[in-house]
Each structure stands twice: as C-alpha cells, then as structure tokens.
Amino acid sequence: DESMRGRVCKVKVRLAKDGFVTNSQIIEGDPVVCRAAKAAINKAGRLPVSQEPDVYQLMKEINLEVRPEFN
C-alpha cells in the first residue's frame, strides 16, 4: 500500500527448531506497517532455519525492521 512509503516497523520473531513461528511481537513503529508485517509473518507460519544447533541458537530470535519499498 502506497500509504506505507517511508514508514517502518520493528518486530521480534521467535522460532521453534523447525522454523515454526512461535511468537511475533511488535517492538515499535507505524501501526499500519506493523499490522501488515505481523499478518505476513503469521501467514508464513514457518521460516527456513539451519539444522546446525549453533546457527539455530543465533536465529531463534530475530529482530526484523520492516521498511516497505516501492519501485
């Protein structure tokens, strides 16, 4: 949505070992972008994760900054 141009949302995502999204929490940002980001994360359901335990430990909590871009 063009109204999101220049707006940002920060979201914390927690993943299970199989990549299933166990929690997503809005940290801060524009409410419209945050709702869209959270909906997209929930729709994805699972995200790719490494099978390597050390890498998973680094990936199990991800802080995303969502910044819509338009061409």
N, C-alpha and C. Protein backbone atom coordinates (compact mmCIF):
# COMPACT_ATOMS: atom_id res chain seq x y z
N ASP A 1 0.85 -1.17 0.00
CA ASP A 1 0.00 0.00 0.00
C ASP A 1 0.89 1.23 0.00
N GLU A 2 0.65 2.11 -0.93
CA GLU A 2 1.47 3.32 -1.10
C GLU A 2 1.51 4.18 0.16
N SER A 3 0.50 4.10 1.02
CA SER A 3 0.48 4.90 2.24
C SER A 3 1.58 4.48 3.21
N MET A 4 2.20 3.34 2.98
CA MET A 4 3.26 2.84 3.87
C MET A 4 4.64 3.39 3.50
N ARG A 5 4.73 4.10 2.40
CA ARG A 5 6.02 4.61 1.94
C ARG A 5 6.70 5.43 3.03
N GLY A 6 7.97 5.10 3.30
CA GLY A 6 8.76 5.84 4.28
C GLY A 6 8.48 5.48 5.74
N ARG A 7 7.61 4.52 5.97
CA ARG A 7 7.28 4.13 7.34
C ARG A 7 7.99 2.83 7.70
N VAL A 8 8.14 2.59 8.99
CA VAL A 8 8.94 1.46 9.47
C VAL A 8 8.22 0.77 10.63
N CYS A 9 8.49 -0.53 10.77
CA CYS A 9 8.02 -1.27 11.93
C CYS A 9 9.13 -2.23 12.36
N LYS A 10 9.33 -2.35 13.65
CA LYS A 10 10.29 -3.31 14.19
C LYS A 10 9.51 -4.41 14.89
N VAL A 11 9.83 -5.67 14.53
CA VAL A 11 9.13 -6.83 15.06
C VAL A 11 10.14 -7.86 15.55
N LYS A 12 9.88 -8.43 16.72
CA LYS A 12 10.70 -9.53 17.23
C LYS A 12 9.97 -10.84 16.91
N VAL A 13 10.69 -11.76 16.28
CA VAL A 13 10.12 -13.05 15.88
C VAL A 13 10.88 -14.16 16.59
N ARG A 14 10.15 -15.07 17.19
CA ARG A 14 10.75 -16.22 17.87
C ARG A 14 10.38 -17.48 17.09
N LEU A 15 11.39 -18.34 16.84
CA LEU A 15 11.20 -19.53 16.02
C LEU A 15 11.49 -20.81 16.80
N ALA A 16 10.70 -21.85 16.51
CA ALA A 16 10.99 -23.19 17.03
C ALA A 16 12.09 -23.79 16.17
N LYS A 17 12.61 -24.93 16.58
CA LYS A 17 13.72 -25.56 15.84
C LYS A 17 13.36 -25.93 14.41
N ASP A 18 12.07 -26.16 14.15
CA ASP A 18 11.65 -26.50 12.78
C ASP A 18 11.28 -25.26 11.96
N GLY A 19 11.48 -24.06 12.53
CA GLY A 19 11.19 -22.83 11.82
C GLY A 19 9.80 -22.29 12.05
N PHE A 20 8.98 -23.02 12.82
CA PHE A 20 7.63 -22.56 13.11
C PHE A 20 7.70 -21.28 13.94
N VAL A 21 6.92 -20.29 13.55
CA VAL A 21 6.87 -19.02 14.27
C VAL A 21 6.06 -19.22 15.55
N THR A 22 6.74 -19.19 16.69
CA THR A 22 6.05 -19.40 17.96
C THR A 22 5.54 -18.09 18.56
N ASN A 23 6.14 -16.96 18.14
CA ASN A 23 5.71 -15.68 18.67
C ASN A 23 6.21 -14.56 17.76
N SER A 24 5.40 -13.56 17.60
CA SER A 24 5.85 -12.33 16.94
C SER A 24 5.31 -11.17 17.76
N GLN A 25 6.18 -10.23 18.06
CA GLN A 25 5.83 -9.13 18.94
C GLN A 25 6.29 -7.82 18.31
N ILE A 26 5.38 -6.88 18.21
CA ILE A 26 5.72 -5.57 17.68
C ILE A 26 6.54 -4.82 18.74
N ILE A 27 7.68 -4.33 18.32
CA ILE A 27 8.55 -3.57 19.21
C ILE A 27 8.18 -2.09 19.14
N GLU A 28 8.10 -1.56 17.90
CA GLU A 28 7.71 -0.18 17.69
C GLU A 28 7.50 0.06 16.21
N GLY A 29 6.81 1.14 15.91
CA GLY A 29 6.66 1.53 14.52
C GLY A 29 5.27 1.95 14.14
N ASP A 30 5.10 2.22 12.86
CA ASP A 30 3.84 2.65 12.31
C ASP A 30 2.80 1.54 12.42
N PRO A 31 1.63 1.82 12.97
CA PRO A 31 0.62 0.78 13.18
C PRO A 31 0.19 0.05 11.90
N VAL A 32 0.08 0.77 10.79
CA VAL A 32 -0.35 0.13 9.54
C VAL A 32 0.71 -0.85 9.05
N VAL A 33 1.97 -0.43 9.06
CA VAL A 33 3.07 -1.30 8.63
C VAL A 33 3.20 -2.48 9.60
N CYS A 34 3.05 -2.22 10.89
CA CYS A 34 3.16 -3.29 11.88
C CYS A 34 2.08 -4.34 11.71
N ARG A 35 0.85 -3.92 11.44
CA ARG A 35 -0.23 -4.90 11.21
C ARG A 35 0.06 -5.75 9.98
N ALA A 36 0.53 -5.11 8.91
CA ALA A 36 0.85 -5.83 7.68
C ALA A 36 2.02 -6.79 7.90
N ALA A 37 3.03 -6.35 8.63
CA ALA A 37 4.19 -7.20 8.90
C ALA A 37 3.80 -8.41 9.73
N LYS A 38 3.02 -8.17 10.78
CA LYS A 38 2.60 -9.26 11.66
C LYS A 38 1.72 -10.26 10.90
N ALA A 39 0.85 -9.76 10.04
CA ALA A 39 0.00 -10.64 9.24
C ALA A 39 0.84 -11.49 8.29
N ALA A 40 1.86 -10.90 7.68
CA ALA A 40 2.73 -11.64 6.76
C ALA A 40 3.53 -12.72 7.51
N ILE A 41 4.02 -12.39 8.69
CA ILE A 41 4.77 -13.35 9.50
C ILE A 41 3.87 -14.51 9.89
N ASN A 42 2.66 -14.20 10.35
CA ASN A 42 1.73 -15.26 10.74
C ASN A 42 1.30 -16.11 9.55
N LYS A 43 1.14 -15.49 8.39
CA LYS A 43 0.76 -16.24 7.19
C LYS A 43 1.87 -17.19 6.76
N ALA A 44 3.12 -16.77 6.91
CA ALA A 44 4.25 -17.63 6.54
C ALA A 44 4.25 -18.89 7.40
N GLY A 45 3.96 -18.74 8.69
CA GLY A 45 3.88 -19.90 9.57
C GLY A 45 5.23 -20.48 9.94
N ARG A 46 6.01 -20.84 8.92
CA ARG A 46 7.35 -21.40 9.13
C ARG A 46 8.36 -20.61 8.29
N LEU A 47 9.52 -20.40 8.87
CA LEU A 47 10.61 -19.74 8.17
C LEU A 47 11.78 -20.71 8.10
N PRO A 48 12.61 -20.60 7.07
CA PRO A 48 13.75 -21.52 6.98
C PRO A 48 14.75 -21.28 8.11
N VAL A 49 15.20 -22.37 8.74
CA VAL A 49 16.22 -22.29 9.78
C VAL A 49 17.29 -23.34 9.51
N SER A 50 18.46 -23.10 10.03
CA SER A 50 19.57 -24.03 9.88
C SER A 50 19.38 -25.24 10.79
N GLN A 51 19.82 -26.38 10.33
CA GLN A 51 19.81 -27.59 11.14
C GLN A 51 20.98 -27.64 12.11
N GLU A 52 21.94 -26.74 11.94
CA GLU A 52 23.10 -26.67 12.82
C GLU A 52 22.68 -26.02 14.15
N PRO A 53 22.86 -26.70 15.28
CA PRO A 53 22.43 -26.16 16.57
C PRO A 53 23.00 -24.78 16.90
N ASP A 54 24.26 -24.55 16.58
CA ASP A 54 24.88 -23.25 16.89
C ASP A 54 24.24 -22.13 16.09
N VAL A 55 23.93 -22.42 14.83
CA VAL A 55 23.31 -21.41 13.97
C VAL A 55 21.88 -21.16 14.43
N TYR A 56 21.17 -22.23 14.78
CA TYR A 56 19.79 -22.07 15.27
C TYR A 56 19.76 -21.17 16.51
N GLN A 57 20.72 -21.34 17.41
CA GLN A 57 20.75 -20.51 18.62
C GLN A 57 20.85 -19.03 18.27
N LEU A 58 21.54 -18.72 17.18
CA LEU A 58 21.67 -17.33 16.74
C LEU A 58 20.40 -16.84 16.04
N MET A 59 19.62 -17.78 15.48
CA MET A 59 18.46 -17.41 14.68
C MET A 59 17.12 -17.53 15.41
N LYS A 60 17.10 -18.13 16.58
CA LYS A 60 15.80 -18.43 17.20
C LYS A 60 15.02 -17.18 17.59
N GLU A 61 15.71 -16.07 17.78
CA GLU A 61 15.05 -14.78 17.99
C GLU A 61 15.61 -13.80 16.97
N ILE A 62 14.71 -13.27 16.15
CA ILE A 62 15.12 -12.36 15.09
C ILE A 62 14.41 -11.03 15.30
N ASN A 63 15.17 -9.96 15.25
CA ASN A 63 14.57 -8.62 15.27
C ASN A 63 14.56 -8.11 13.83
N LEU A 64 13.34 -7.96 13.30
CA LEU A 64 13.18 -7.51 11.91
C LEU A 64 12.83 -6.04 11.89
N GLU A 65 13.38 -5.36 10.91
CA GLU A 65 12.94 -4.00 10.63
C GLU A 65 12.26 -4.05 9.26
N VAL A 66 10.97 -3.79 9.25
CA VAL A 66 10.19 -3.84 8.02
C VAL A 66 10.05 -2.42 7.50
N ARG A 67 10.53 -2.24 6.26
CA ARG A 67 10.51 -0.92 5.63
C ARG A 67 10.03 -1.13 4.19
N PRO A 68 8.72 -0.95 3.94
CA PRO A 68 8.20 -1.17 2.58
C PRO A 68 8.89 -0.29 1.55
N GLU A 69 9.19 -0.89 0.41
CA GLU A 69 9.82 -0.16 -0.69
C GLU A 69 8.94 -0.29 -1.93
N PHE A 70 8.92 0.72 -2.72
CA PHE A 70 8.11 0.75 -3.92
C PHE A 70 9.01 1.17 -5.09
N ASN A 71 8.82 0.53 -6.24
CA ASN A 71 9.61 0.86 -7.44
C ASN A 71 8.85 1.80 -8.34
